[in-house]
Amino acid sequence: MATPTTDRAKGPTGQLTMYTTSWCGFCRRLKSQLARDGIEMVEVDIERDQEAANFVMSVNGGNMTVPTIVYPDGSAVTNPSAKAVKAKLASLA
């Protein structure tokens, strides 16, 4: 799993970032749905990256809720549907 080295609050410039855990069923489902549609992302496992875990907690009211998505524009959302992710990415294009 790739770990971005840019500002966690914004995610890597121009990329979709998904904060996950290895055991998260919602994460696996969303990843597979986006992959099926050819949507690439940087995946960050919050159990292996404390800075990432801290970021996820900062945007989720202190909770380590995944999947947390950070869009290329820096906005974040928790547990979105694949349809919502595609719509947001389309609006950014």
Protein backbone atom coordinates (compact mmCIF):
# COMPACT_ATOMS: atom_id res chain seq x y z
CA MET A 1 0.00 0.00 0.00
CA ALA A 2 1.36 3.35 -1.00
CA THR A 3 1.68 6.04 1.60
CA PRO A 4 1.53 9.57 0.25
CA THR A 5 4.22 11.91 1.45
CA THR A 6 2.28 15.11 0.90
CA ASP A 7 0.10 17.11 3.30
CA ARG A 8 -2.42 14.68 4.83
CA ALA A 9 -5.08 17.35 5.04
CA LYS A 10 -5.16 17.65 1.28
CA GLY A 11 -3.92 14.26 0.12
CA PRO A 12 -1.66 13.94 -2.88
CA THR A 13 -2.24 16.70 -5.39
CA GLY A 14 -4.50 15.57 -8.20
CA GLN A 15 -5.17 12.12 -6.75
CA LEU A 16 -7.93 10.36 -4.92
CA THR A 17 -6.81 9.00 -1.54
CA MET A 18 -8.63 6.31 0.42
CA TYR A 19 -7.82 5.76 4.08
CA THR A 20 -8.55 2.13 4.97
CA THR A 21 -7.82 -0.82 7.25
CA SER A 22 -7.06 -4.37 6.17
CA TRP A 23 -10.22 -5.74 7.81
CA CYS A 24 -12.75 -3.15 6.58
CA GLY A 25 -15.44 -4.73 4.40
CA PHE A 26 -16.80 -1.34 3.32
CA CYS A 27 -13.27 -0.39 2.19
CA ARG A 28 -12.84 -3.60 0.17
CA ARG A 29 -16.20 -3.14 -1.51
CA LEU A 30 -15.59 0.50 -2.42
CA LYS A 31 -12.07 -0.27 -3.70
CA SER A 32 -13.36 -3.04 -5.94
CA GLN A 33 -16.24 -0.93 -7.27
CA LEU A 34 -13.91 1.97 -8.11
CA ALA A 35 -11.30 -0.36 -9.64
CA ARG A 36 -13.99 -1.91 -11.83
CA ASP A 37 -14.69 1.59 -13.18
CA GLY A 38 -10.99 2.29 -13.73
CA ILE A 39 -10.72 4.88 -10.94
CA GLU A 40 -7.23 4.92 -9.49
CA MET A 41 -6.46 5.92 -5.93
CA VAL A 42 -3.73 6.00 -3.35
CA GLU A 43 -4.59 3.68 -0.48
CA VAL A 44 -3.34 4.39 3.05
CA ASP A 45 -3.80 1.84 5.85
CA ILE A 46 -4.42 3.81 9.03
CA GLU A 47 -3.30 0.87 11.18
CA ARG A 48 0.17 1.09 9.63
CA ASP A 49 0.47 4.89 9.53
CA GLN A 50 -0.20 6.82 12.74
CA GLU A 51 -0.15 10.18 10.96
CA ALA A 52 -2.86 8.90 8.63
CA ALA A 53 -4.89 7.63 11.61
CA ASN A 54 -4.60 11.06 13.22
CA PHE A 55 -5.80 12.71 10.00
CA VAL A 56 -8.81 10.36 9.76
CA MET A 57 -9.72 11.14 13.37
CA SER A 58 -9.40 14.87 12.65
CA VAL A 59 -12.04 14.73 9.90
CA ASN A 60 -14.33 12.25 11.67
CA GLY A 61 -14.94 13.86 15.04
CA GLY A 62 -12.21 11.84 16.77
CA ASN A 63 -13.28 8.52 15.27
CA MET A 64 -11.10 6.27 13.10
CA THR A 65 -13.88 5.68 10.59
CA VAL A 66 -12.98 4.18 7.23
CA PRO A 67 -13.19 4.35 4.34
CA THR A 68 -12.37 8.03 4.47
CA ILE A 69 -11.86 9.53 1.03
CA VAL A 70 -9.88 12.67 0.27
CA TYR A 71 -10.61 14.10 -3.16
CA PRO A 72 -8.05 15.93 -5.33
CA ASP A 73 -9.53 19.27 -4.18
CA GLY A 74 -8.75 18.41 -0.54
CA SER A 75 -12.32 17.76 0.57
CA ALA A 76 -12.96 14.63 2.63
CA VAL A 77 -15.93 12.32 3.01
CA THR A 78 -16.53 9.18 5.07
CA ASN A 79 -17.97 5.94 3.72
CA PRO A 80 -19.28 7.29 0.41
CA SER A 81 -20.91 5.15 -2.24
CA ALA A 82 -19.00 4.48 -5.46
CA LYS A 83 -21.68 6.52 -7.25
CA ALA A 84 -21.00 9.51 -4.97
CA VAL A 85 -17.24 9.23 -5.54
CA LYS A 86 -17.71 9.12 -9.32
CA ALA A 87 -20.06 12.11 -9.22
CA LYS A 88 -17.62 14.16 -7.13
CA LEU A 89 -14.71 13.27 -9.42
CA ALA A 90 -16.80 14.24 -12.46
CA SER A 91 -17.60 17.60 -10.87
CA LEU A 92 -13.88 18.21 -10.35
CA ALA A 93 -12.91 17.33 -13.92
